[in-house]
Structure formats: structure tokens, C-alpha cells
Amino acid sequence: MVNAKNGTLIGTKTFQHSGLTGGTGANKEEAIANTIKSAVYSMRDFVDEYFKMEGTILEVNSEKKGKAEEVYINLGSMNGVKEAQKFTVYAIREVAGREAKKEIGRLTVKAVEGDDISLCKVQKGGEEIMKAIRDEQPIKIISREQTLMGGIFN
């Protein structure tokens, strides 16, 4: 993988899918299709390794008993966010001039509502997310799996 802006090598990986390793099917064509799907998943993981989406929580949309249930994030269609995309929420602090992050929650995109906004369901850590927001602690969200890079691998 090469950075298109400056031509530097970002990462490299060899993909090898020989035979019908992606799975079996009712016939040869289905087995080949399953193998192709397997290759696509491997490529998604590779891209995700180097191009994680990073953003922040804009605001809490709904809460219950001091726990965030839904939040808006500052990533949307321009960033390649898709419904069901998953994010990890981190509280950020500085330690000896370095960024330290602590996982405080998990989100799943419920709806992409614009170029730079999406509604997410809080899957884990609603109380910790509310506390960090109330305390005005910096928060960072980072994609967790299979970032689709604007639909390249759909």
C-alpha cells in the first residue's frame, strides 16, 4: 500500500487464496464466489489496519439513568462510515507529554445522517462515556473492524 500524496510505502502484505479455500458451495461457481468473499474480507482487514477512522463524540442524543444510550459522532458519509460500523471510545489524557488512552466504551452506527455526522447506539460503557463528557475529558473514537473506506470493498 502506497501513500498517494507522497509515494511512500505504508504497508505491504501478500494475499494468497488458492483453490477453493473460502468455503464450499452447492456447485463450483458458488465455491469460487465464497473464495472471492474470503479474499475481500482479508483485504478489508488489511486496509483497516492502516486506515482506521478517528473522530469524537459531538453530543449525547439520549441517556437513561446517567448512562449514554445514543450519541452523535463527527464522522459520516464523507469518511466512509456505514450503518453497523463499530467504534471503540477512548478517554484521552496526557502523560509525560504523550497521549494515553483508556477504553471506556463501544459504539455501533445506527444511522449515517450526513457528510460528517452519524447517530450511534452505545453498546458498552454508557456511564463512563457520560462521566467523561460531563468532566470535559477529551474523547477519541476509533473504528474497530472492517472500515469500508467509502465502499471500496462493498
Protein backbone atom coordinates (compact mmCIF):
# COMPACT_ATOMS: atom_id res chain seq x y z
CA MET A 1 0.00 0.00 0.00
CA VAL A 2 1.44 3.37 -1.06
CA ASN A 3 0.56 6.84 0.20
CA ALA A 4 -0.85 8.54 -2.90
CA LYS A 5 0.18 12.01 -1.67
CA ASN A 6 3.90 11.40 -1.33
CA GLY A 7 4.59 7.96 -2.81
CA THR A 8 5.89 6.41 0.41
CA LEU A 9 5.24 2.78 1.25
CA ILE A 10 2.74 2.47 4.10
CA GLY A 11 2.45 -1.29 4.35
CA THR A 12 2.67 -4.49 2.42
CA LYS A 13 1.04 -7.88 2.63
CA THR A 14 0.81 -10.89 0.34
CA PHE A 15 -2.63 -12.36 -0.14
CA GLN A 16 -2.80 -15.94 -1.27
CA HIS A 17 -6.10 -17.67 -1.82
CA SER A 18 -5.50 -20.77 -3.87
CA GLY A 19 -8.05 -23.41 -4.64
CA LEU A 20 -11.46 -23.17 -3.08
CA THR A 21 -10.30 -22.15 0.40
CA GLY A 22 -13.08 -19.63 1.02
CA GLY A 23 -15.62 -22.31 1.56
CA THR A 24 -17.68 -24.82 -0.21
CA GLY A 25 -20.83 -24.36 -2.14
CA ALA A 26 -23.61 -26.23 -3.82
CA ASN A 27 -21.59 -26.04 -7.03
CA LYS A 28 -18.22 -24.91 -8.39
CA GLU A 29 -19.41 -21.33 -9.07
CA GLU A 30 -20.72 -20.92 -5.52
CA ALA A 31 -17.45 -22.25 -4.08
CA ILE A 32 -15.46 -19.77 -6.21
CA ALA A 33 -17.74 -16.92 -5.07
CA ASN A 34 -17.14 -17.91 -1.44
CA THR A 35 -13.38 -17.90 -2.03
CA ILE A 36 -13.59 -14.40 -3.53
CA LYS A 37 -15.56 -13.23 -0.48
CA SER A 38 -12.79 -14.63 1.72
CA ALA A 39 -10.19 -12.61 -0.21
CA VAL A 40 -12.29 -9.44 0.13
CA TYR A 41 -12.52 -9.92 3.92
CA SER A 42 -8.73 -10.32 4.10
CA MET A 43 -8.28 -7.09 2.11
CA ARG A 44 -10.75 -5.25 4.38
CA ASP A 45 -8.73 -6.26 7.42
CA PHE A 46 -5.51 -5.06 5.76
CA VAL A 47 -6.99 -1.66 4.86
CA ASP A 48 -8.47 -1.31 8.35
CA GLU A 49 -5.06 -1.96 9.88
CA TYR A 50 -3.63 1.14 8.16
CA PHE A 51 -6.65 3.41 7.80
CA LYS A 52 -8.68 3.40 10.97
CA MET A 53 -11.27 6.16 11.18
CA GLU A 54 -10.80 8.54 14.11
CA GLY A 55 -13.25 11.09 15.42
CA THR A 56 -15.05 12.25 18.52
CA ILE A 57 -18.46 12.33 20.14
CA LEU A 58 -20.36 15.52 19.31
CA GLU A 59 -23.17 15.14 21.83
CA VAL A 60 -25.35 12.68 23.68
CA ASN A 61 -28.67 12.16 21.90
CA SER A 62 -30.33 10.13 24.63
CA GLU A 63 -29.47 8.94 28.12
CA LYS A 64 -31.15 6.90 30.81
CA LYS A 65 -30.23 6.77 34.48
CA GLY A 66 -26.92 8.56 33.89
CA LYS A 67 -25.89 6.31 31.02
CA ALA A 68 -25.50 7.46 27.41
CA GLU A 69 -27.72 5.35 25.14
CA GLU A 70 -27.21 7.15 21.82
CA VAL A 71 -24.56 9.64 20.73
CA TYR A 72 -23.72 11.66 17.65
CA ILE A 73 -20.20 11.37 16.24
CA ASN A 74 -18.35 13.69 13.85
CA LEU A 75 -17.85 11.07 11.13
CA GLY A 76 -20.28 10.42 8.29
CA SER A 77 -20.64 9.55 4.63
CA MET A 78 -17.57 11.58 3.57
CA ASN A 79 -15.47 9.38 5.85
CA GLY A 80 -16.94 6.15 4.52
CA VAL A 81 -18.97 5.43 7.66
CA LYS A 82 -21.63 2.78 7.10
CA GLU A 83 -24.55 1.60 9.19
CA ALA A 84 -23.41 -1.07 11.70
CA GLN A 85 -19.81 0.29 11.67
CA LYS A 86 -18.25 -0.23 15.09
CA PHE A 87 -16.11 2.17 17.12
CA THR A 88 -14.18 1.99 20.37
CA VAL A 89 -14.45 5.03 22.65
CA TYR A 90 -11.32 6.19 24.47
CA ALA A 91 -10.80 8.77 27.20
CA ILE A 92 -7.62 10.69 26.37
CA ARG A 93 -5.14 12.19 28.80
CA GLU A 94 -1.58 13.37 28.62
CA VAL A 95 1.16 11.51 30.49
CA ALA A 96 4.70 12.86 30.33
CA GLY A 97 3.92 14.68 27.09
CA ARG A 98 2.44 11.57 25.47
CA GLU A 99 -1.13 10.66 24.65
CA ALA A 100 -2.52 7.94 26.88
CA LYS A 101 -5.88 6.43 26.07
CA LYS A 102 -8.18 4.24 28.09
CA GLU A 103 -11.07 2.33 26.55
CA ILE A 104 -14.33 3.47 28.10
CA GLY A 105 -16.97 2.23 25.67
CA ARG A 106 -18.12 0.83 22.36
CA LEU A 107 -20.46 2.24 19.70
CA THR A 108 -22.34 0.89 16.70
CA VAL A 109 -23.52 3.23 13.95
CA LYS A 110 -27.30 3.30 13.85
CA ALA A 111 -27.68 5.84 11.02
CA VAL A 112 -25.36 7.94 8.86
CA GLU A 113 -27.11 11.31 8.87
CA GLY A 114 -24.76 13.49 6.81
CA ASP A 115 -21.31 14.08 5.43
CA ASP A 116 -19.80 14.42 8.90
CA ILE A 117 -22.39 13.16 11.36
CA SER A 118 -23.72 9.75 12.39
CA LEU A 119 -26.02 8.53 15.14
CA CYS A 120 -24.59 5.67 17.20
CA LYS A 121 -26.01 3.28 19.76
CA VAL A 122 -23.84 2.89 22.85
CA GLN A 123 -23.15 -0.84 23.16
CA LYS A 124 -20.90 -0.66 26.20
CA GLY A 125 -19.73 1.98 28.68
CA GLY A 126 -22.67 4.38 28.72
CA GLU A 127 -21.93 5.52 32.27
CA GLU A 128 -18.20 6.04 31.60
CA ILE A 129 -18.95 7.98 28.40
CA MET A 130 -21.37 10.29 30.28
CA LYS A 131 -18.80 10.88 33.03
CA ALA A 132 -16.06 11.75 30.52
CA ILE A 133 -18.39 14.18 28.72
CA ARG A 134 -19.54 15.80 31.98
CA ASP A 135 -15.91 16.15 33.14
CA GLU A 136 -15.00 17.62 29.71
CA GLN A 137 -12.35 14.95 29.30
CA PRO A 138 -11.09 14.61 25.71
CA ILE A 139 -12.65 11.63 23.93
CA LYS A 140 -11.50 9.85 20.81
CA ILE A 141 -13.39 7.22 18.83
CA ILE A 142 -11.53 4.78 16.59
CA SER A 143 -13.03 2.29 14.16
CA ARG A 144 -12.85 -1.28 15.44
CA GLU A 145 -13.22 -3.53 12.46
CA GLN A 146 -13.51 -3.66 8.72
CA THR A 147 -13.54 0.00 7.85
CA LEU A 148 -15.04 0.03 4.39
CA MET A 149 -13.11 3.05 3.06
CA GLY A 150 -16.08 4.67 1.41
CA GLY A 151 -17.47 1.45 -0.02
CA ILE A 152 -14.35 0.28 -1.88
CA PHE A 153 -14.95 -3.30 -0.79
CA ASN A 154 -18.77 -3.42 -0.89
